[in-house]
Amino acid sequence: MVVNPSPHDPSPSDEAPSDKDSPRLVEPPSSGEAIVVRGLEKSFGEWPVLWNLDLTLRWGELVALFGANGVGKTTLLRILSTQSKADAGSVQVAGFSPKRNPQAIRRRVGVVAHQTFLYEDLSCLENLVHYGRLFGLKDPRERAEEAISKLGLSNRSGSRVRTLSNGMQRRLSIARAILHRPQILIFDEPEVGLDRESIKSLRAVLEEWTEAGLTVIMTTHDLDLGLSWAHRAAVLSGGRIQFPAADEYMDGVQVRQMVASALEPGR
C-alpha cells in the first residue's frame, strides 16, 4: 500500500538526535531554554489573534495553557510545532528557529493535535512503524510496540485505525507523538475522549518526560487536571500569556479563580 506523507511527517534526511539504545529518552541540551518566544504576532486577515506575546519554557517542566475558545491556544501550538508561521517576532524551540530549521524542530517535538495524523486504512502497528521509519529509527517495530503498550493498545495493535473508537484513536495519536522520544511534547487537549485509565496512562507519559528533564506544553479545558498536573499554569488572554502564580500577591485560590475566569466564553 502506498502511504502519502501526512502534513507533519518528518523527512528521513532531516537532522535528528541520535537513536541509541542506551538512553531511554533523548537528553535535553545542557544549556538554554526549551522554548523561547519574543514579540510573537499572528493575525488571520484583519483579525489579530496573538500580539506581542512572550513565553519561556524551561527544560523539565510541564506548562498547562488555559484560555477560552478562540483566543489562540491552538494557533500558538501550531507555530511552535512549525505547522503555522508567525507574522512577526522570534521563536526558538529546542534551540532552533522555525524559519531557519523547521525540520530540526519537527524531529525534536512530539505533537498531539485535534487532527490525529493517522492513516485510517493502516493498523495501529503499521501506522507507528511507518512513522518510525520516517524518523530513521533503527528499531521502528520495537519502538512502535513500546509506544502502543504505554497507551494500553497492545490488544488492538493489528486493528485498522478506522475501526477504533475516537478515544482509542486519541491514544494512538499520543503513542505516535512519543514514538521517537522527542525532547518537547506539544499537546493540544490530549485528554479529550480518554477514559479514566487512559488519562492515567497519559499522566504517566508526561511525568516520564519531565522527570527525564524534557518539556511539555499542553492546552486543556479541564481546570482540575491542568492545575494538578502542571508545574506552571499559563493563561492566554488578549493575545498575551500570563503566569498568575508568578504574582507573589496571589495565593492558590486566587490563581485558580483567575484560570477559571480565563476559560469563560468571551474572555
C-alpha atoms as a PDB file:
ATOM      1  CA  MET A   1       0.000   0.000   0.000  1.00  0.00           C
ATOM      2  CA  VAL A   2       1.320   3.448  -0.916  1.00  0.00           C
ATOM      3  CA  VAL A   3       1.250   5.862   2.006  1.00  0.00           C
ATOM      4  CA  ASN A   4       1.235   9.555   1.268  1.00  0.00           C
ATOM      5  CA  PRO A   5       3.023  11.743   3.818  1.00  0.00           C
ATOM      6  CA  SER A   6       0.885  13.483   6.396  1.00  0.00           C
ATOM      7  CA  PRO A   7       1.319  17.244   6.981  1.00  0.00           C
ATOM      8  CA  HIS A   8       3.542  16.520   9.975  1.00  0.00           C
ATOM      9  CA  ASP A   9       5.659  13.704   8.536  1.00  0.00           C
ATOM     10  CA  PRO A  10       9.384  14.336   9.032  1.00  0.00           C
ATOM     11  CA  SER A  11      11.821  13.906   6.208  1.00  0.00           C
ATOM     12  CA  PRO A  12      14.204  10.955   6.722  1.00  0.00           C
ATOM     13  CA  SER A  13      17.112  13.196   5.765  1.00  0.00           C
ATOM     14  CA  ASP A  14      16.413  15.779   8.464  1.00  0.00           C
ATOM     15  CA  GLU A  15      18.927  16.296  11.226  1.00  0.00           C
ATOM     16  CA  ALA A  16      17.790  14.385  14.313  1.00  0.00           C
ATOM     17  CA  PRO A  17      19.001  13.362  17.753  1.00  0.00           C
ATOM     18  CA  SER A  18      20.868  10.059  17.590  1.00  0.00           C
ATOM     19  CA  ASP A  19      18.799   6.922  18.097  1.00  0.00           C
ATOM     20  CA  LYS A  20      20.987   4.992  20.523  1.00  0.00           C
ATOM     21  CA  ASP A  21      19.824   2.050  22.584  1.00  0.00           C
ATOM     22  CA  SER A  22      21.264   3.256  25.907  1.00  0.00           C
ATOM     23  CA  PRO A  23      19.214   6.313  26.942  1.00  0.00           C
ATOM     24  CA  ARG A  24      15.506   5.688  27.346  1.00  0.00           C
ATOM     25  CA  LEU A  25      14.714   9.251  26.366  1.00  0.00           C
ATOM     26  CA  VAL A  26      16.726  11.807  24.426  1.00  0.00           C
ATOM     27  CA  GLU A  27      18.564  14.053  26.872  1.00  0.00           C
ATOM     28  CA  PRO A  28      17.808  17.796  26.837  1.00  0.00           C
ATOM     29  CA  PRO A  29      20.558  20.254  25.932  1.00  0.00           C
ATOM     30  CA  SER A  30      22.879  21.145  28.786  1.00  0.00           C
ATOM     31  CA  SER A  31      22.111  24.856  28.457  1.00  0.00           C
ATOM     32  CA  GLY A  32      19.442  27.211  27.157  1.00  0.00           C
ATOM     33  CA  GLU A  33      15.683  27.043  27.427  1.00  0.00           C
ATOM     34  CA  ALA A  34      13.283  24.581  25.853  1.00  0.00           C
ATOM     35  CA  ILE A  35      11.097  27.240  24.220  1.00  0.00           C
ATOM     36  CA  VAL A  36      11.686  30.979  23.921  1.00  0.00           C
ATOM     37  CA  VAL A  37       9.142  33.271  22.226  1.00  0.00           C
ATOM     38  CA  ARG A  38       9.527  37.031  21.990  1.00  0.00           C
ATOM     39  CA  GLY A  39       7.145  39.576  20.487  1.00  0.00           C
ATOM     40  CA  LEU A  40       5.104  36.961  18.638  1.00  0.00           C
ATOM     41  CA  GLU A  41       2.303  38.220  16.415  1.00  0.00           C
ATOM     42  CA  LYS A  42      -0.243  36.323  14.342  1.00  0.00           C
ATOM     43  CA  SER A  43      -3.365  37.539  12.564  1.00  0.00           C
ATOM     44  CA  PHE A  44      -5.929  35.958  10.295  1.00  0.00           C
ATOM     45  CA  GLY A  45      -6.816  38.613   7.764  1.00  0.00           C
ATOM     46  CA  GLU A  46      -7.526  41.742   9.759  1.00  0.00           C
ATOM     47  CA  TRP A  47      -8.261  39.759  12.915  1.00  0.00           C
ATOM     48  CA  PRO A  48      -5.289  39.742  15.345  1.00  0.00           C
ATOM     49  CA  VAL A  49      -5.035  36.577  17.470  1.00  0.00           C
ATOM     50  CA  LEU A  50      -1.611  36.831  19.109  1.00  0.00           C
ATOM     51  CA  TRP A  51       0.320  40.027  19.600  1.00  0.00           C
ATOM     52  CA  ASN A  52       3.488  40.958  21.441  1.00  0.00           C
ATOM     53  CA  LEU A  53       3.420  37.519  23.061  1.00  0.00           C
ATOM     54  CA  ASP A  54       6.385  36.421  25.173  1.00  0.00           C
ATOM     55  CA  LEU A  55       6.877  32.904  26.520  1.00  0.00           C
ATOM     56  CA  THR A  56       9.751  30.976  28.088  1.00  0.00           C
ATOM     57  CA  LEU A  57       9.617  27.284  28.977  1.00  0.00           C
ATOM     58  CA  ARG A  58      12.377  25.644  30.954  1.00  0.00           C
ATOM     59  CA  TRP A  59      13.660  22.129  30.496  1.00  0.00           C
ATOM     60  CA  GLY A  60      11.955  19.616  32.759  1.00  0.00           C
ATOM     61  CA  GLU A  61       8.659  21.417  33.278  1.00  0.00           C
ATOM     62  CA  LEU A  62       5.071  20.872  32.241  1.00  0.00           C
ATOM     63  CA  VAL A  63       3.120  24.017  31.456  1.00  0.00           C
ATOM     64  CA  ALA A  64      -0.667  23.863  31.154  1.00  0.00           C
ATOM     65  CA  LEU A  65      -2.041  26.576  28.879  1.00  0.00           C
ATOM     66  CA  PHE A  66      -5.568  27.764  29.630  1.00  0.00           C
ATOM     67  CA  GLY A  67      -7.834  30.109  27.729  1.00  0.00           C
ATOM     68  CA  ALA A  68     -11.314  30.459  26.299  1.00  0.00           C
ATOM     69  CA  ASN A  69     -12.146  29.053  22.886  1.00  0.00           C
ATOM     70  CA  GLY A  70     -10.828  31.184  20.059  1.00  0.00           C
ATOM     71  CA  VAL A  71      -8.123  33.050  21.981  1.00  0.00           C
ATOM     72  CA  GLY A  72      -5.271  31.477  20.009  1.00  0.00           C
ATOM     73  CA  LYS A  73      -4.080  28.476  22.029  1.00  0.00           C
ATOM     74  CA  THR A  74      -4.093  26.105  19.079  1.00  0.00           C
ATOM     75  CA  THR A  75      -2.567  28.786  16.863  1.00  0.00           C
ATOM     76  CA  LEU A  76       0.332  29.182  19.284  1.00  0.00           C
ATOM     77  CA  LEU A  77       0.956  25.425  19.441  1.00  0.00           C
ATOM     78  CA  ARG A  78       0.840  25.209  15.641  1.00  0.00           C
ATOM     79  CA  ILE A  79       3.511  27.905  15.428  1.00  0.00           C
ATOM     80  CA  LEU A  80       5.707  26.139  17.992  1.00  0.00           C
ATOM     81  CA  SER A  81       5.413  22.865  16.058  1.00  0.00           C
ATOM     82  CA  THR A  82       6.100  24.555  12.667  1.00  0.00           C
ATOM     83  CA  GLN A  83       2.618  23.825  11.306  1.00  0.00           C
ATOM     84  CA  SER A  84       1.910  27.550  11.027  1.00  0.00           C
ATOM     85  CA  LYS A  85       4.091  30.627  10.546  1.00  0.00           C
ATOM     86  CA  ALA A  86       4.145  33.702  12.758  1.00  0.00           C
ATOM     87  CA  ASP A  87       3.670  37.130  11.210  1.00  0.00           C
ATOM     88  CA  ALA A  88       6.306  38.723  13.430  1.00  0.00           C
ATOM     89  CA  GLY A  89       8.505  38.036  16.440  1.00  0.00           C
ATOM     90  CA  SER A  90      11.100  35.392  17.234  1.00  0.00           C
ATOM     91  CA  VAL A  91      10.649  31.746  18.180  1.00  0.00           C
ATOM     92  CA  GLN A  92      13.222  29.225  19.398  1.00  0.00           C
ATOM     93  CA  VAL A  93      12.220  25.608  20.000  1.00  0.00           C
ATOM     94  CA  ALA A  94      14.914  23.292  21.379  1.00  0.00           C
ATOM     95  CA  GLY A  95      17.427  25.895  20.244  1.00  0.00           C
ATOM     96  CA  PHE A  96      16.195  26.062  16.641  1.00  0.00           C
ATOM     97  CA  SER A  97      14.302  28.710  14.679  1.00  0.00           C
ATOM     98  CA  PRO A  98      11.182  27.636  12.754  1.00  0.00           C
ATOM     99  CA  LYS A  99      12.236  29.998   9.962  1.00  0.00           C
ATOM    100  CA  ARG A 100      15.732  28.572   9.525  1.00  0.00           C
ATOM    101  CA  ASN A 101      15.486  24.990  10.805  1.00  0.00           C
ATOM    102  CA  PRO A 102      11.848  23.811  10.788  1.00  0.00           C
ATOM    103  CA  GLN A 103      12.794  20.193  10.087  1.00  0.00           C
ATOM    104  CA  ALA A 104      15.179  20.097  13.039  1.00  0.00           C
ATOM    105  CA  ILE A 105      12.315  21.223  15.284  1.00  0.00           C
ATOM    106  CA  ARG A 106       9.970  18.582  13.891  1.00  0.00           C
ATOM    107  CA  ARG A 107      12.469  15.901  14.814  1.00  0.00           C
ATOM    108  CA  ARG A 108      12.605  17.173  18.384  1.00  0.00           C
ATOM    109  CA  VAL A 109       8.923  17.669  19.144  1.00  0.00           C
ATOM    110  CA  GLY A 110       6.013  15.270  19.555  1.00  0.00           C
ATOM    111  CA  VAL A 111       2.652  16.710  18.596  1.00  0.00           C
ATOM    112  CA  VAL A 112      -0.894  15.803  19.548  1.00  0.00           C
ATOM    113  CA  ALA A 113      -3.365  17.990  17.687  1.00  0.00           C
ATOM    114  CA  HIS A 114      -7.088  17.950  17.040  1.00  0.00           C
ATOM    115  CA  GLN A 115      -6.197  16.049  13.861  1.00  0.00           C
ATOM    116  CA  THR A 116      -4.745  12.590  14.584  1.00  0.00           C
ATOM    117  CA  PHE A 117      -2.212  12.409  11.697  1.00  0.00           C
ATOM    118  CA  LEU A 118      -3.071   8.704  11.427  1.00  0.00           C
ATOM    119  CA  TYR A 119      -3.754   6.620   8.313  1.00  0.00           C
ATOM    120  CA  GLU A 120      -7.199   5.035   8.646  1.00  0.00           C
ATOM    121  CA  ASP A 121      -6.511   2.043   6.393  1.00  0.00           C
ATOM    122  CA  LEU A 122      -3.363   1.016   8.266  1.00  0.00           C
ATOM    123  CA  SER A 123      -3.308  -0.839  11.559  1.00  0.00           C
ATOM    124  CA  CYS A 124      -2.091   0.763  14.780  1.00  0.00           C
ATOM    125  CA  LEU A 125       1.246  -1.009  14.474  1.00  0.00           C
ATOM    126  CA  GLU A 126       1.614  -0.237  10.767  1.00  0.00           C
ATOM    127  CA  ASN A 127       0.979   3.458  11.435  1.00  0.00           C
ATOM    128  CA  LEU A 128       3.702   3.695  14.048  1.00  0.00           C
ATOM    129  CA  VAL A 129       6.205   1.570  12.131  1.00  0.00           C
ATOM    130  CA  HIS A 130       5.651   3.893   9.163  1.00  0.00           C
ATOM    131  CA  TYR A 131       6.379   6.947  11.299  1.00  0.00           C
ATOM    132  CA  GLY A 132       9.333   5.203  12.909  1.00  0.00           C
ATOM    133  CA  ARG A 133      10.898   4.612   9.507  1.00  0.00           C
ATOM    134  CA  LEU A 134      10.347   8.235   8.538  1.00  0.00           C
ATOM    135  CA  PHE A 135      12.145   9.259  11.714  1.00  0.00           C
ATOM    136  CA  GLY A 136      15.013   6.939  10.820  1.00  0.00           C
ATOM    137  CA  LEU A 137      14.659   4.786  13.938  1.00  0.00           C
ATOM    138  CA  LYS A 138      16.900   1.727  13.993  1.00  0.00           C
ATOM    139  CA  ASP A 139      14.194  -0.418  15.576  1.00  0.00           C
ATOM    140  CA  PRO A 140      10.856   1.029  14.370  1.00  0.00           C
ATOM    141  CA  ARG A 141       8.776  -2.065  15.160  1.00  0.00           C
ATOM    142  CA  GLU A 142      10.147  -2.424  18.691  1.00  0.00           C
ATOM    143  CA  ARG A 143       9.652   1.267  19.393  1.00  0.00           C
ATOM    144  CA  ALA A 144       6.147   1.142  17.923  1.00  0.00           C
ATOM    145  CA  GLU A 145       5.200  -1.793  20.136  1.00  0.00           C
ATOM    146  CA  GLU A 146       6.622   0.010  23.179  1.00  0.00           C
ATOM    147  CA  ALA A 147       4.627   3.185  22.479  1.00  0.00           C
ATOM    148  CA  ILE A 148       1.445   1.203  21.820  1.00  0.00           C
ATOM    149  CA  SER A 149       1.919  -0.651  25.107  1.00  0.00           C
ATOM    150  CA  LYS A 150       2.372   2.587  27.055  1.00  0.00           C
ATOM    151  CA  LEU A 151      -1.061   3.719  25.900  1.00  0.00           C
ATOM    152  CA  GLY A 152      -2.727   0.368  26.560  1.00  0.00           C
ATOM    153  CA  LEU A 153      -3.417  -0.561  22.939  1.00  0.00           C
ATOM    154  CA  SER A 154      -1.420  -3.777  22.607  1.00  0.00           C
ATOM    155  CA  ASN A 155      -4.570  -5.856  22.134  1.00  0.00           C
ATOM    156  CA  ARG A 156      -5.590  -3.627  19.203  1.00  0.00           C
ATOM    157  CA  SER A 157      -2.200  -3.251  17.538  1.00  0.00           C
ATOM    158  CA  GLY A 158      -3.377  -5.188  14.475  1.00  0.00           C
ATOM    159  CA  SER A 159      -6.668  -3.292  14.127  1.00  0.00           C
ATOM    160  CA  ARG A 160      -7.154  -0.758  11.385  1.00  0.00           C
ATOM    161  CA  VAL A 161      -7.447   2.794  12.650  1.00  0.00           C
ATOM    162  CA  ARG A 162     -10.873   3.240  11.049  1.00  0.00           C
ATOM    163  CA  THR A 163     -12.256   0.509  13.350  1.00  0.00           C
ATOM    164  CA  LEU A 164     -11.113   2.259  16.544  1.00  0.00           C
ATOM    165  CA  SER A 165     -13.244   4.477  18.739  1.00  0.00           C
ATOM    166  CA  ASN A 166     -12.380   8.166  18.931  1.00  0.00           C
ATOM    167  CA  GLY A 167     -10.788   7.603  22.327  1.00  0.00           C
ATOM    168  CA  MET A 168      -8.584   4.799  21.013  1.00  0.00           C
ATOM    169  CA  GLN A 169      -7.537   6.930  18.053  1.00  0.00           C
ATOM    170  CA  ARG A 170      -6.602   9.660  20.505  1.00  0.00           C
ATOM    171  CA  ARG A 171      -4.455   7.212  22.461  1.00  0.00           C
ATOM    172  CA  LEU A 172      -2.762   6.080  19.265  1.00  0.00           C
ATOM    173  CA  SER A 173      -2.033   9.682  18.287  1.00  0.00           C
ATOM    174  CA  ILE A 174      -0.317  10.115  21.669  1.00  0.00           C
ATOM    175  CA  ALA A 175       1.691   6.941  21.019  1.00  0.00           C
ATOM    176  CA  ARG A 176       2.697   8.372  17.634  1.00  0.00           C
ATOM    177  CA  ALA A 177       3.808  11.619  19.296  1.00  0.00           C
ATOM    178  CA  ILE A 178       6.160   9.868  21.754  1.00  0.00           C
ATOM    179  CA  LEU A 179       7.445   7.251  19.301  1.00  0.00           C
ATOM    180  CA  HIS A 180      10.749   8.994  18.542  1.00  0.00           C
ATOM    181  CA  ARG A 181      11.269  10.082  22.174  1.00  0.00           C
ATOM    182  CA  PRO A 182      11.244  13.815  21.401  1.00  0.00           C
ATOM    183  CA  GLN A 183      12.674  16.499  23.650  1.00  0.00           C
ATOM    184  CA  ILE A 184       9.447  18.516  23.752  1.00  0.00           C
ATOM    185  CA  LEU A 185       5.819  17.393  23.765  1.00  0.00           C
ATOM    186  CA  ILE A 186       3.291  19.850  22.316  1.00  0.00           C
ATOM    187  CA  PHE A 187      -0.173  18.532  23.156  1.00  0.00           C
ATOM    188  CA  ASP A 188      -3.471  20.235  22.294  1.00  0.00           C
ATOM    189  CA  GLU A 189      -6.162  18.962  24.691  1.00  0.00           C
ATOM    190  CA  PRO A 190      -4.683  15.443  24.776  1.00  0.00           C
ATOM    191  CA  GLU A 191      -7.166  14.218  27.408  1.00  0.00           C
ATOM    192  CA  VAL A 192     -10.227  14.754  25.213  1.00  0.00           C
ATOM    193  CA  GLY A 193     -12.083  11.499  24.600  1.00  0.00           C
ATOM    194  CA  LEU A 194      -9.969   9.470  27.038  1.00  0.00           C
ATOM    195  CA  ASP A 195     -11.432   7.290  29.770  1.00  0.00           C
ATOM    196  CA  ARG A 196     -10.105   7.282  33.327  1.00  0.00           C
ATOM    197  CA  GLU A 197      -7.489   4.563  32.765  1.00  0.00           C
ATOM    198  CA  SER A 198      -6.249   6.217  29.581  1.00  0.00           C
ATOM    199  CA  ILE A 199      -5.863   9.527  31.406  1.00  0.00           C
ATOM    200  CA  LYS A 200      -3.698   7.726  33.963  1.00  0.00           C
ATOM    201  CA  SER A 201      -1.546   6.397  31.114  1.00  0.00           C
ATOM    202  CA  LEU A 202      -1.261   9.895  29.660  1.00  0.00           C
ATOM    203  CA  ARG A 203      -0.210  11.322  33.006  1.00  0.00           C
ATOM    204  CA  ALA A 204       2.442   8.607  33.382  1.00  0.00           C
ATOM    205  CA  VAL A 205       3.864   9.511  29.971  1.00  0.00           C
ATOM    206  CA  LEU A 206       4.020  13.215  30.806  1.00  0.00           C
ATOM    207  CA  GLU A 207       5.658  12.532  34.162  1.00  0.00           C
ATOM    208  CA  GLU A 208       8.228  10.292  32.473  1.00  0.00           C
ATOM    209  CA  TRP A 209       9.117  13.154  30.131  1.00  0.00           C
ATOM    210  CA  THR A 210       9.508  15.852  32.753  1.00  0.00           C
ATOM    211  CA  GLU A 211      11.377  13.566  35.164  1.00  0.00           C
ATOM    212  CA  ALA A 212      13.885  12.989  32.340  1.00  0.00           C
ATOM    213  CA  GLY A 213      14.425  16.759  32.111  1.00  0.00           C
ATOM    214  CA  LEU A 214      12.314  17.158  28.987  1.00  0.00           C
ATOM    215  CA  THR A 215       9.473  19.614  28.477  1.00  0.00           C
ATOM    216  CA  VAL A 216       5.724  19.513  27.928  1.00  0.00           C
ATOM    217  CA  ILE A 217       3.305  22.262  26.936  1.00  0.00           C
ATOM    218  CA  MET A 218      -0.342  21.290  26.757  1.00  0.00           C
ATOM    219  CA  THR A 219      -3.686  23.020  26.462  1.00  0.00           C
ATOM    220  CA  THR A 220      -6.700  21.844  28.402  1.00  0.00           C
ATOM    221  CA  HIS A 221     -10.157  22.989  29.426  1.00  0.00           C
ATOM    222  CA  ASP A 222     -10.065  20.671  32.428  1.00  0.00           C
ATOM    223  CA  LEU A 223      -9.205  23.033  35.267  1.00  0.00           C
ATOM    224  CA  ASP A 224      -8.581  20.374  37.913  1.00  0.00           C
ATOM    225  CA  LEU A 225      -6.468  18.196  35.629  1.00  0.00           C
ATOM    226  CA  GLY A 226      -4.351  21.075  34.333  1.00  0.00           C
ATOM    227  CA  LEU A 227      -3.651  22.607  37.728  1.00  0.00           C
ATOM    228  CA  SER A 228      -2.797  19.253  39.315  1.00  0.00           C
ATOM    229  CA  TRP A 229      -0.506  18.079  36.508  1.00  0.00           C
ATOM    230  CA  ALA A 230       1.332  21.276  35.635  1.00  0.00           C
ATOM    231  CA  HIS A 231       4.411  22.801  37.222  1.00  0.00           C
ATOM    232  CA  ARG A 232       3.125  26.160  35.989  1.00  0.00           C
ATOM    233  CA  ALA A 233      -0.282  27.309  34.779  1.00  0.00           C
ATOM    234  CA  ALA A 234      -0.365  29.843  31.944  1.00  0.00           C
ATOM    235  CA  VAL A 235      -3.329  31.904  30.811  1.00  0.00           C
ATOM    236  CA  LEU A 236      -3.704  33.145  27.231  1.00  0.00           C
ATOM    237  CA  SER A 237      -5.954  36.171  27.031  1.00  0.00           C
ATOM    238  CA  GLY A 238      -5.915  39.328  24.942  1.00  0.00           C
ATOM    239  CA  GLY A 239      -3.227  37.901  22.686  1.00  0.00           C
ATOM    240  CA  ARG A 240      -0.701  37.505  25.511  1.00  0.00           C
ATOM    241  CA  ILE A 241       0.303  34.952  28.142  1.00  0.00           C
ATOM    242  CA  GLN A 242       0.267  35.439  31.897  1.00  0.00           C
ATOM    243  CA  PHE A 243       1.548  33.170  34.641  1.00  0.00           C
ATOM    244  CA  PRO A 244      -0.735  34.081  37.562  1.00  0.00           C
ATOM    245  CA  ALA A 245       1.235  32.082  40.136  1.00  0.00           C
ATOM    246  CA  ALA A 246       4.253  34.276  39.421  1.00  0.00           C
ATOM    247  CA  ASP A 247       2.421  37.114  41.198  1.00  0.00           C
ATOM    248  CA  GLU A 248       3.678  36.943  44.762  1.00  0.00           C
ATOM    249  CA  TYR A 249       0.486  38.601  45.983  1.00  0.00           C
ATOM    250  CA  MET A 250      -1.788  35.834  44.665  1.00  0.00           C
ATOM    251  CA  ASP A 251      -2.490  32.720  46.696  1.00  0.00           C
ATOM    252  CA  GLY A 252      -3.604  29.334  45.345  1.00  0.00           C
ATOM    253  CA  VAL A 253      -7.300  30.194  45.493  1.00  0.00           C
ATOM    254  CA  GLN A 254      -6.774  33.421  43.547  1.00  0.00           C
ATOM    255  CA  VAL A 255      -4.703  31.630  40.913  1.00  0.00           C
ATOM    256  CA  ARG A 256      -7.464  29.073  40.474  1.00  0.00           C
ATOM    257  CA  GLN A 257     -10.082  31.808  40.178  1.00  0.00           C
ATOM    258  CA  MET A 258      -8.062  33.642  37.538  1.00  0.00           C
ATOM    259  CA  VAL A 259      -7.540  30.498  35.476  1.00  0.00           C
ATOM    260  CA  ALA A 260     -11.219  29.562  35.784  1.00  0.00           C
ATOM    261  CA  SER A 261     -12.213  33.054  34.670  1.00  0.00           C
ATOM    262  CA  ALA A 262      -9.972  32.735  31.610  1.00  0.00           C
ATOM    263  CA  LEU A 263     -11.925  29.663  30.472  1.00  0.00           C
ATOM    264  CA  GLU A 264     -15.206  31.563  30.337  1.00  0.00           C
ATOM    265  CA  PRO A 265     -16.567  32.358  26.843  1.00  0.00           C
ATOM    266  CA  GLY A 266     -15.870  35.869  25.617  1.00  0.00           C
ATOM    267  CA  ARG A 267     -12.609  36.237  27.512  1.00  0.00           C
END
